[in-house]
Amino acid sequence: MAYSLSGKGFYSPVEKNLIIGDRVYVTFYVAGKEFSNILAIPVWLNVREDDPEFEPGAVFIFVTPPWRLLFWRLLVRTKQQFQNLIHQILHPIESSHSI
């Protein structure tokens, strides 16, 4: 799972034993497609040693931007937003708020 995916990098939950600066290979699954062996470097680690319930995470930068992944994700998001717009046009929900 990754959050804030961009051409520069992403944020993701990680294991506590990750070391900042180590190069790691990551895999993304987006809308039925797998994008594997993407080289990334963790540059910031969010860990709370005193809280066993806390899920650690890290900010990663890409060594080389994964353009195929980024374009695929953009295409999937654009398609979903277009489908949502068409659905709202064809099935408008009347507001219960007065103007």
PDB file of N, CA and C in Angstrom:
ATOM      1  N   MET A   1       0.850  -1.163   0.000  1.00  0.00           N
ATOM      2  CA  MET A   1       0.000   0.000   0.000  1.00  0.00           C
ATOM      3  C   MET A   1       0.898   1.229   0.000  1.00  0.00           C
ATOM      4  N   ALA A   2       0.571   2.171  -0.830  1.00  0.00           N
ATOM      5  CA  ALA A   2       1.352   3.404  -0.896  1.00  0.00           C
ATOM      6  C   ALA A   2       0.406   4.599  -0.901  1.00  0.00           C
ATOM      7  N   TYR A   3       0.869   5.666  -0.289  1.00  0.00           N
ATOM      8  CA  TYR A   3       0.108   6.905  -0.252  1.00  0.00           C
ATOM      9  C   TYR A   3       0.928   7.990  -0.936  1.00  0.00           C
ATOM     10  N   SER A   4       0.257   8.976  -1.478  1.00  0.00           N
ATOM     11  CA  SER A   4       0.920  10.137  -2.080  1.00  0.00           C
ATOM     12  C   SER A   4       1.941   9.738  -3.140  1.00  0.00           C
ATOM     13  N   LEU A   5       1.557   8.844  -4.022  1.00  0.00           N
ATOM     14  CA  LEU A   5       2.439   8.406  -5.105  1.00  0.00           C
ATOM     15  C   LEU A   5       2.630   9.539  -6.105  1.00  0.00           C
ATOM     16  N   SER A   6       3.884   9.860  -6.402  1.00  0.00           N
ATOM     17  CA  SER A   6       4.202  10.896  -7.390  1.00  0.00           C
ATOM     18  C   SER A   6       5.463  10.487  -8.134  1.00  0.00           C
ATOM     19  N   GLY A   7       5.892  11.329  -9.053  1.00  0.00           N
ATOM     20  CA  GLY A   7       7.113  11.055  -9.793  1.00  0.00           C
ATOM     21  C   GLY A   7       8.359  11.100  -8.929  1.00  0.00           C
ATOM     22  N   LYS A   8       8.255  11.739  -7.766  1.00  0.00           N
ATOM     23  CA  LYS A   8       9.404  11.830  -6.865  1.00  0.00           C
ATOM     24  C   LYS A   8       9.492  10.642  -5.922  1.00  0.00           C
ATOM     25  N   GLY A   9       8.331  10.136  -5.481  1.00  0.00           N
ATOM     26  CA  GLY A   9       8.360   9.047  -4.515  1.00  0.00           C
ATOM     27  C   GLY A   9       6.990   8.761  -3.947  1.00  0.00           C
ATOM     28  N   PHE A  10       6.982   8.219  -2.713  1.00  0.00           N
ATOM     29  CA  PHE A  10       5.730   7.811  -2.098  1.00  0.00           C
ATOM     30  C   PHE A  10       5.935   7.580  -0.607  1.00  0.00           C
ATOM     31  N   TYR A  11       4.824   7.457   0.128  1.00  0.00           N
ATOM     32  CA  TYR A  11       4.827   7.081   1.541  1.00  0.00           C
ATOM     33  C   TYR A  11       4.179   5.712   1.646  1.00  0.00           C
ATOM     34  N   SER A  12       4.734   4.853   2.495  1.00  0.00           N
ATOM     35  CA  SER A  12       4.182   3.511   2.635  1.00  0.00           C
ATOM     36  C   SER A  12       4.411   2.971   4.043  1.00  0.00           C
ATOM     37  N   PRO A  13       3.484   2.138   4.537  1.00  0.00           N
ATOM     38  CA  PRO A  13       3.751   1.410   5.776  1.00  0.00           C
ATOM     39  C   PRO A  13       4.962   0.495   5.562  1.00  0.00           C
ATOM     40  N   VAL A  14       5.770   0.321   6.604  1.00  0.00           N
ATOM     41  CA  VAL A  14       6.982  -0.497   6.494  1.00  0.00           C
ATOM     42  C   VAL A  14       7.200  -1.303   7.771  1.00  0.00           C
ATOM     43  N   GLU A  15       8.202  -2.181   7.716  1.00  0.00           N
ATOM     44  CA  GLU A  15       8.642  -2.891   8.914  1.00  0.00           C
ATOM     45  C   GLU A  15       9.630  -2.002   9.656  1.00  0.00           C
ATOM     46  N   LYS A  16       9.723  -2.196  10.966  1.00  0.00           N
ATOM     47  CA  LYS A  16      10.568  -1.333  11.788  1.00  0.00           C
ATOM     48  C   LYS A  16      12.056  -1.465  11.482  1.00  0.00           C
ATOM     49  N   ASN A  17      12.481  -2.566  10.874  1.00  0.00           N
ATOM     50  CA  ASN A  17      13.912  -2.777  10.656  1.00  0.00           C
ATOM     51  C   ASN A  17      14.441  -2.134   9.375  1.00  0.00           C
ATOM     52  N   LEU A  18      13.670  -1.321   8.718  1.00  0.00           N
ATOM     53  CA  LEU A  18      14.112  -0.616   7.516  1.00  0.00           C
ATOM     54  C   LEU A  18      15.151   0.430   7.906  1.00  0.00           C
ATOM     55  N   ILE A  19      16.176   0.598   7.083  1.00  0.00           N
ATOM     56  CA  ILE A  19      17.240   1.560   7.367  1.00  0.00           C
ATOM     57  C   ILE A  19      17.199   2.677   6.327  1.00  0.00           C
ATOM     58  N   ILE A  20      17.212   3.917   6.802  1.00  0.00           N
ATOM     59  CA  ILE A  20      17.213   5.072   5.907  1.00  0.00           C
ATOM     60  C   ILE A  20      18.455   5.016   5.029  1.00  0.00           C
ATOM     61  N   GLY A  21      18.257   5.246   3.743  1.00  0.00           N
ATOM     62  CA  GLY A  21      19.368   5.264   2.799  1.00  0.00           C
ATOM     63  C   GLY A  21      19.604   3.954   2.069  1.00  0.00           C
ATOM     64  N   ASP A  22      19.079   2.846   2.600  1.00  0.00           N
ATOM     65  CA  ASP A  22      19.220   1.557   1.910  1.00  0.00           C
ATOM     66  C   ASP A  22      18.372   1.555   0.648  1.00  0.00           C
ATOM     67  N   ARG A  23      18.894   0.974  -0.410  1.00  0.00           N
ATOM     68  CA  ARG A  23      18.106   0.830  -1.636  1.00  0.00           C
ATOM     69  C   ARG A  23      17.253  -0.427  -1.518  1.00  0.00           C
ATOM     70  N   VAL A  24      15.978  -0.288  -1.842  1.00  0.00           N
ATOM     71  CA  VAL A  24      15.053  -1.423  -1.773  1.00  0.00           C
ATOM     72  C   VAL A  24      14.272  -1.508  -3.083  1.00  0.00           C
ATOM     73  N   TYR A  25      13.874  -2.715  -3.415  1.00  0.00           N
ATOM     74  CA  TYR A  25      13.014  -2.914  -4.580  1.00  0.00           C
ATOM     75  C   TYR A  25      11.579  -3.046  -4.097  1.00  0.00           C
ATOM     76  N   VAL A  26      10.675  -2.327  -4.739  1.00  0.00           N
ATOM     77  CA  VAL A  26       9.266  -2.338  -4.345  1.00  0.00           C
ATOM     78  C   VAL A  26       8.408  -2.782  -5.523  1.00  0.00           C
ATOM     79  N   THR A  27       7.200  -3.233  -5.195  1.00  0.00           N
ATOM     80  CA  THR A  27       6.234  -3.657  -6.199  1.00  0.00           C
ATOM     81  C   THR A  27       4.928  -2.925  -5.953  1.00  0.00           C
ATOM     82  N   PHE A  28       4.312  -2.448  -7.020  1.00  0.00           N
ATOM     83  CA  PHE A  28       3.010  -1.799  -6.947  1.00  0.00           C
ATOM     84  C   PHE A  28       2.005  -2.622  -7.733  1.00  0.00           C
ATOM     85  N   TYR A  29       0.801  -2.713  -7.209  1.00  0.00           N
ATOM     86  CA  TYR A  29      -0.318  -3.342  -7.910  1.00  0.00           C
ATOM     87  C   TYR A  29      -1.387  -2.267  -8.083  1.00  0.00           C
ATOM     88  N   VAL A  30      -1.687  -1.920  -9.336  1.00  0.00           N
ATOM     89  CA  VAL A  30      -2.671  -0.875  -9.615  1.00  0.00           C
ATOM     90  C   VAL A  30      -3.649  -1.398 -10.650  1.00  0.00           C
ATOM     91  N   ALA A  31      -4.909  -1.507 -10.254  1.00  0.00           N
ATOM     92  CA  ALA A  31      -5.996  -1.886 -11.166  1.00  0.00           C
ATOM     93  C   ALA A  31      -5.650  -3.117 -12.001  1.00  0.00           C
ATOM     94  N   GLY A  32      -5.191  -4.158 -11.325  1.00  0.00           N
ATOM     95  CA  GLY A  32      -4.943  -5.429 -12.000  1.00  0.00           C
ATOM     96  C   GLY A  32      -3.594  -5.565 -12.672  1.00  0.00           C
ATOM     97  N   LYS A  33      -2.759  -4.547 -12.602  1.00  0.00           N
ATOM     98  CA  LYS A  33      -1.423  -4.625 -13.199  1.00  0.00           C
ATOM     99  C   LYS A  33      -0.363  -4.591 -12.108  1.00  0.00           C
ATOM    100  N   GLU A  34       0.690  -5.361 -12.335  1.00  0.00           N
ATOM    101  CA  GLU A  34       1.811  -5.402 -11.400  1.00  0.00           C
ATOM    102  C   GLU A  34       2.991  -4.634 -11.987  1.00  0.00           C
ATOM    103  N   PHE A  35       3.590  -3.795 -11.155  1.00  0.00           N
ATOM    104  CA  PHE A  35       4.795  -3.057 -11.522  1.00  0.00           C
ATOM    105  C   PHE A  35       5.843  -3.420 -10.476  1.00  0.00           C
ATOM    106  N   SER A  36       6.790  -4.262 -10.855  1.00  0.00           N
ATOM    107  CA  SER A  36       7.737  -4.792  -9.873  1.00  0.00           C
ATOM    108  C   SER A  36       9.162  -4.314 -10.143  1.00  0.00           C
ATOM    109  N   ASN A  37      10.020  -4.611  -9.174  1.00  0.00           N
ATOM    110  CA  ASN A  37      11.452  -4.279  -9.245  1.00  0.00           C
ATOM    111  C   ASN A  37      11.702  -2.791  -9.468  1.00  0.00           C
ATOM    112  N   ILE A  38      10.950  -1.967  -8.758  1.00  0.00           N
ATOM    113  CA  ILE A  38      11.143  -0.518  -8.822  1.00  0.00           C
ATOM    114  C   ILE A  38      12.071  -0.131  -7.672  1.00  0.00           C
ATOM    115  N   LEU A  39      13.189   0.476  -8.013  1.00  0.00           N
ATOM    116  CA  LEU A  39      14.199   0.819  -7.021  1.00  0.00           C
ATOM    117  C   LEU A  39      13.832   2.124  -6.314  1.00  0.00           C
ATOM    118  N   ALA A  40      13.828   2.070  -4.975  1.00  0.00           N
ATOM    119  CA  ALA A  40      13.482   3.242  -4.164  1.00  0.00           C
ATOM    120  C   ALA A  40      14.410   3.314  -2.956  1.00  0.00           C
ATOM    121  N   ILE A  41      14.501   4.501  -2.378  1.00  0.00           N
ATOM    122  CA  ILE A  41      15.351   4.723  -1.211  1.00  0.00           C
ATOM    123  C   ILE A  41      14.511   5.378  -0.116  1.00  0.00           C
ATOM    124  N   PRO A  42      14.451   4.768   1.082  1.00  0.00           N
ATOM    125  CA  PRO A  42      13.747   5.429   2.185  1.00  0.00           C
ATOM    126  C   PRO A  42      14.562   6.625   2.682  1.00  0.00           C
ATOM    127  N   VAL A  43      13.897   7.779   2.799  1.00  0.00           N
ATOM    128  CA  VAL A  43      14.589   8.992   3.238  1.00  0.00           C
ATOM    129  C   VAL A  43      14.065   9.525   4.571  1.00  0.00           C
ATOM    130  N   TRP A  44      12.933   8.996   5.034  1.00  0.00           N
ATOM    131  CA  TRP A  44      12.367   9.412   6.320  1.00  0.00           C
ATOM    132  C   TRP A  44      11.573   8.254   6.883  1.00  0.00           C
ATOM    133  N   LEU A  45      11.779   7.960   8.154  1.00  0.00           N
ATOM    134  CA  LEU A  45      11.125   6.828   8.805  1.00  0.00           C
ATOM    135  C   LEU A  45      10.308   7.323   9.988  1.00  0.00           C
ATOM    136  N   ASN A  46       9.053   6.873  10.079  1.00  0.00           N
ATOM    137  CA  ASN A  46       8.153   7.248  11.165  1.00  0.00           C
ATOM    138  C   ASN A  46       7.898   6.009  12.018  1.00  0.00           C
ATOM    139  N   VAL A  47       8.601   5.917  13.154  1.00  0.00           N
ATOM    140  CA  VAL A  47       8.508   4.749  14.038  1.00  0.00           C
ATOM    141  C   VAL A  47       8.303   5.236  15.467  1.00  0.00           C
ATOM    142  N   ARG A  48       7.456   4.535  16.195  1.00  0.00           N
ATOM    143  CA  ARG A  48       7.274   4.810  17.627  1.00  0.00           C
ATOM    144  C   ARG A  48       7.617   3.536  18.388  1.00  0.00           C
ATOM    145  N   GLU A  49       8.839   3.459  18.875  1.00  0.00           N
ATOM    146  CA  GLU A  49       9.320   2.257  19.564  1.00  0.00           C
ATOM    147  C   GLU A  49       8.485   1.939  20.806  1.00  0.00           C
ATOM    148  N   ASP A  50       7.961   2.969  21.472  1.00  0.00           N
ATOM    149  CA  ASP A  50       7.217   2.772  22.713  1.00  0.00           C
ATOM    150  C   ASP A  50       5.746   2.419  22.492  1.00  0.00           C
ATOM    151  N   ASP A  51       5.302   2.366  21.250  1.00  0.00           N
ATOM    152  CA  ASP A  51       3.900   2.081  20.947  1.00  0.00           C
ATOM    153  C   ASP A  51       3.799   0.876  20.014  1.00  0.00           C
ATOM    154  N   PRO A  52       3.544  -0.327  20.562  1.00  0.00           N
ATOM    155  CA  PRO A  52       3.487  -1.532  19.724  1.00  0.00           C
ATOM    156  C   PRO A  52       2.305  -1.540  18.752  1.00  0.00           C
ATOM    157  N   GLU A  53       1.287  -0.713  18.994  1.00  0.00           N
ATOM    158  CA  GLU A  53       0.121  -0.653  18.113  1.00  0.00           C
ATOM    159  C   GLU A  53       0.344   0.277  16.917  1.00  0.00           C
ATOM    160  N   PHE A  54       1.375   1.114  16.990  1.00  0.00           N
ATOM    161  CA  PHE A  54       1.640   2.084  15.926  1.00  0.00           C
ATOM    162  C   PHE A  54       2.190   1.381  14.695  1.00  0.00           C
ATOM    163  N   GLU A  55       1.640   1.717  13.529  1.00  0.00           N
ATOM    164  CA  GLU A  55       2.128   1.130  12.279  1.00  0.00           C
ATOM    165  C   GLU A  55       3.182   2.056  11.675  1.00  0.00           C
ATOM    166  N   PRO A  56       4.445   1.628  11.634  1.00  0.00           N
ATOM    167  CA  PRO A  56       5.496   2.491  11.104  1.00  0.00           C
ATOM    168  C   PRO A  56       5.354   2.708   9.605  1.00  0.00           C
ATOM    169  N   GLY A  57       5.903   3.818   9.144  1.00  0.00           N
ATOM    170  CA  GLY A  57       5.857   4.132   7.723  1.00  0.00           C
ATOM    171  C   GLY A  57       7.114   4.867   7.313  1.00  0.00           C
ATOM    172  N   ALA A  58       7.291   5.022   6.013  1.00  0.00           N
ATOM    173  CA  ALA A  58       8.476   5.703   5.504  1.00  0.00           C
ATOM    174  C   ALA A  58       8.146   6.456   4.225  1.00  0.00           C
ATOM    175  N   VAL A  59       8.904   7.530   4.008  1.00  0.00           N
ATOM    176  CA  VAL A  59       8.856   8.250   2.744  1.00  0.00           C
ATOM    177  C   VAL A  59      10.007   7.717   1.897  1.00  0.00           C
ATOM    178  N   PHE A  60       9.693   7.344   0.666  1.00  0.00           N
ATOM    179  CA  PHE A  60      10.682   6.817  -0.268  1.00  0.00           C
ATOM    180  C   PHE A  60      10.819   7.769  -1.448  1.00  0.00           C
ATOM    181  N   ILE A  61      12.022   7.842  -2.004  1.00  0.00           N
ATOM    182  CA  ILE A  61      12.213   8.517  -3.283  1.00  0.00           C
ATOM    183  C   ILE A  61      12.569   7.449  -4.311  1.00  0.00           C
ATOM    184  N   PHE A  62      12.163   7.686  -5.545  1.00  0.00           N
ATOM    185  CA  PHE A  62      12.508   6.769  -6.621  1.00  0.00           C
ATOM    186  C   PHE A  62      13.910   7.086  -7.129  1.00  0.00           C
ATOM    187  N   VAL A  63      14.684   6.049  -7.429  1.00  0.00           N
ATOM    188  CA  VAL A  63      15.980   6.248  -8.065  1.00  0.00           C
ATOM    189  C   VAL A  63      15.749   6.751  -9.489  1.00  0.00           C
ATOM    190  N   THR A  64      14.813   6.135 -10.184  1.00  0.00           N
ATOM    191  CA  THR A  64      14.360   6.563 -11.511  1.00  0.00           C
ATOM    192  C   THR A  64      12.837   6.539 -11.495  1.00  0.00           C
ATOM    193  N   PRO A  65      12.167   7.620 -11.875  1.00  0.00           N
ATOM    194  CA  PRO A  65      10.693   7.612 -11.845  1.00  0.00           C
ATOM    195  C   PRO A  65      10.120   6.461 -12.682  1.00  0.00           C
ATOM    196  N   PRO A  66       9.174   5.710 -12.129  1.00  0.00           N
ATOM    197  CA  PRO A  66       8.548   4.596 -12.855  1.00  0.00           C
ATOM    198  C   PRO A  66       7.418   5.112 -13.750  1.00  0.00           C
ATOM    199  N   TRP A  67       7.773   5.630 -14.917  1.00  0.00           N
ATOM    200  CA  TRP A  67       6.810   6.311 -15.780  1.00  0.00           C
ATOM    201  C   TRP A  67       5.642   5.427 -16.185  1.00  0.00           C
ATOM    202  N   ARG A  68       5.889   4.149 -16.468  1.00  0.00           N
ATOM    203  CA  ARG A  68       4.779   3.265 -16.853  1.00  0.00           C
ATOM    204  C   ARG A  68       3.755   3.177 -15.728  1.00  0.00           C
ATOM    205  N   LEU A  69       4.211   3.027 -14.492  1.00  0.00           N
ATOM    206  CA  LEU A  69       3.325   2.988 -13.328  1.00  0.00           C
ATOM    207  C   LEU A  69       2.561   4.301 -13.191  1.00  0.00           C
ATOM    208  N   LEU A  70       3.248   5.411 -13.287  1.00  0.00           N
ATOM    209  CA  LEU A  70       2.609   6.715 -13.095  1.00  0.00           C
ATOM    210  C   LEU A  70       1.570   7.003 -14.171  1.00  0.00           C
ATOM    211  N   PHE A  71       1.883   6.674 -15.424  1.00  0.00           N
ATOM    212  CA  PHE A  71       0.908   6.887 -16.501  1.00  0.00           C
ATOM    213  C   PHE A  71      -0.292   5.957 -16.356  1.00  0.00           C
ATOM    214  N   TRP A  72      -0.059   4.699 -15.979  1.00  0.00           N
ATOM    215  CA  TRP A  72      -1.157   3.746 -15.779  1.00  0.00           C
ATOM    216  C   TRP A  72      -2.075   4.232 -14.659  1.00  0.00           C
ATOM    217  N   ARG A  73      -1.481   4.674 -13.553  1.00  0.00           N
ATOM    218  CA  ARG A  73      -2.278   5.160 -12.425  1.00  0.00           C
ATOM    219  C   ARG A  73      -3.090   6.391 -12.826  1.00  0.00           C
ATOM    220  N   LEU A  74      -2.483   7.296 -13.584  1.00  0.00           N
ATOM    221  CA  LEU A  74      -3.202   8.478 -14.058  1.00  0.00           C
ATOM    222  C   LEU A  74      -4.367   8.077 -14.956  1.00  0.00           C
ATOM    223  N   LEU A  75      -4.152   7.136 -15.851  1.00  0.00           N
ATOM    224  CA  LEU A  75      -5.209   6.660 -16.738  1.00  0.00           C
ATOM    225  C   LEU A  75      -6.354   6.038 -15.940  1.00  0.00           C
ATOM    226  N   VAL A  76      -6.028   5.203 -14.965  1.00  0.00           N
ATOM    227  CA  VAL A  76      -7.050   4.542 -14.145  1.00  0.00           C
ATOM    228  C   VAL A  76      -7.840   5.568 -13.341  1.00  0.00           C
ATOM    229  N   ARG A  77      -7.151   6.533 -12.739  1.00  0.00           N
ATOM    230  CA  ARG A  77      -7.838   7.565 -11.949  1.00  0.00           C
ATOM    231  C   ARG A  77      -8.729   8.438 -12.822  1.00  0.00           C
ATOM    232  N   THR A  78      -8.244   8.807 -14.006  1.00  0.00           N
ATOM    233  CA  THR A  78      -9.033   9.627 -14.922  1.00  0.00           C
ATOM    234  C   THR A  78     -10.281   8.881 -15.366  1.00  0.00           C
ATOM    235  N   LYS A  79     -10.128   7.614 -15.691  1.00  0.00           N
ATOM    236  CA  LYS A  79     -11.274   6.794 -16.100  1.00  0.00           C
ATOM    237  C   LYS A  79     -12.303   6.711 -14.975  1.00  0.00           C
ATOM    238  N   GLN A  80     -11.847   6.493 -13.734  1.00  0.00           N
ATOM    239  CA  GLN A  80     -12.764   6.391 -12.603  1.00  0.00           C
ATOM    240  C   GLN A  80     -13.483   7.713 -12.357  1.00  0.00           C
ATOM    241  N   GLN A  81     -12.761   8.822 -12.451  1.00  0.00           N
ATOM    242  CA  GLN A  81     -13.385  10.127 -12.247  1.00  0.00           C
ATOM    243  C   GLN A  81     -14.416  10.419 -13.337  1.00  0.00           C
ATOM    244  N   PHE A  82     -14.125  10.030 -14.570  1.00  0.00           N
ATOM    245  CA  PHE A  82     -15.076  10.208 -15.666  1.00  0.00           C
ATOM    246  C   PHE A  82     -16.326   9.365 -15.425  1.00  0.00           C
ATOM    247  N   GLN A  83     -16.139   8.114 -14.991  1.00  0.00           N
ATOM    248  CA  GLN A  83     -17.286   7.250 -14.690  1.00  0.00           C
ATOM    249  C   GLN A  83     -18.121   7.837 -13.556  1.00  0.00           C
ATOM    250  N   ASN A  84     -17.481   8.377 -12.542  1.00  0.00           N
ATOM    251  CA  ASN A  84     -18.205   9.001 -11.433  1.00  0.00           C
ATOM    252  C   ASN A  84     -19.009  10.210 -11.913  1.00  0.00           C
ATOM    253  N   LEU A  85     -18.420  11.014 -12.792  1.00  0.00           N
ATOM    254  CA  LEU A  85     -19.110  12.182 -13.331  1.00  0.00           C
ATOM    255  C   LEU A  85     -20.338  11.764 -14.130  1.00  0.00           C
ATOM    256  N   ILE A  86     -20.197  10.785 -15.002  1.00  0.00           N
ATOM    257  CA  ILE A  86     -21.327  10.294 -15.797  1.00  0.00           C
ATOM    258  C   ILE A  86     -22.422   9.758 -14.879  1.00  0.00           C
ATOM    259  N   HIS A  87     -22.036   9.028 -13.844  1.00  0.00           N
ATOM    260  CA  HIS A  87     -23.022   8.483 -12.904  1.00  0.00           C
ATOM    261  C   HIS A  87     -23.779   9.609 -12.200  1.00  0.00           C
ATOM    262  N   GLN A  88     -23.065  10.665 -11.796  1.00  0.00           N
ATOM    263  CA  GLN A  88     -23.719  11.796 -11.132  1.00  0.00           C
ATOM    264  C   GLN A  88     -24.664  12.531 -12.075  1.00  0.00           C
ATOM    265  N   ILE A  89     -24.306  12.623 -13.338  1.00  0.00           N
ATOM    266  CA  ILE A  89     -25.174  13.292 -14.317  1.00  0.00           C
ATOM    267  C   ILE A  89     -26.432  12.466 -14.564  1.00  0.00           C
ATOM    268  N   LEU A  90     -26.269  11.159 -14.709  1.00  0.00           N
ATOM    269  CA  LEU A  90     -27.409  10.288 -15.007  1.00  0.00           C
ATOM    270  C   LEU A  90     -28.270   9.987 -13.784  1.00  0.00           C
ATOM    271  N   HIS A  91     -27.673  10.039 -12.600  1.00  0.00           N
ATOM    272  CA  HIS A  91     -28.396   9.718 -11.362  1.00  0.00           C
ATOM    273  C   HIS A  91     -28.153  10.810 -10.320  1.00  0.00           C
ATOM    274  N   PRO A  92     -28.672  12.013 -10.556  1.00  0.00           N
ATOM    275  CA  PRO A  92     -28.425  13.099  -9.599  1.00  0.00           C
ATOM    276  C   PRO A  92     -29.091  12.807  -8.252  1.00  0.00           C
ATOM    277  N   ILE A  93     -28.398  13.158  -7.217  1.00  0.00           N
ATOM    278  CA  ILE A  93     -28.927  12.995  -5.860  1.00  0.00           C
ATOM    279  C   ILE A  93     -29.437  14.354  -5.410  1.00  0.00           C
ATOM    280  N   GLU A  94     -30.698  14.400  -5.041  1.00  0.00           N
ATOM    281  CA  GLU A  94     -31.264  15.666  -4.599  1.00  0.00           C
ATOM    282  C   GLU A  94     -30.792  15.960  -3.190  1.00  0.00           C
ATOM    283  N   SER A  95     -30.418  17.184  -2.969  1.00  0.00           N
ATOM    284  CA  SER A  95     -29.922  17.599  -1.671  1.00  0.00           C
ATOM    285  C   SER A  95     -31.081  17.775  -0.695  1.00  0.00           C
ATOM    286  N   SER A  96     -30.848  17.429   0.554  1.00  0.00           N
ATOM    287  CA  SER A  96     -31.857  17.633   1.592  1.00  0.00           C
ATOM    288  C   SER A  96     -31.657  18.982   2.283  1.00  0.00           C
ATOM    289  N   HIS A  97     -30.634  19.725   1.847  1.00  0.00           N
ATOM    290  CA  HIS A  97     -30.361  21.033   2.438  1.00  0.00           C
ATOM    291  C   HIS A  97     -31.150  22.112   1.707  1.00  0.00           C
ATOM    292  N   SER A  98     -31.679  23.049   2.488  1.00  0.00           N
ATOM    293  CA  SER A  98     -32.376  24.171   1.858  1.00  0.00           C
ATOM    294  C   SER A  98     -31.356  25.229   1.454  1.00  0.00           C
ATOM    295  N   ILE A  99     -31.693  25.963   0.432  1.00  0.00           N
ATOM    296  CA  ILE A  99     -30.763  26.989  -0.061  1.00  0.00           C
ATOM    297  C   ILE A  99     -31.084  28.310   0.578  1.00  0.00           C
TER     298      ILE A  99
END
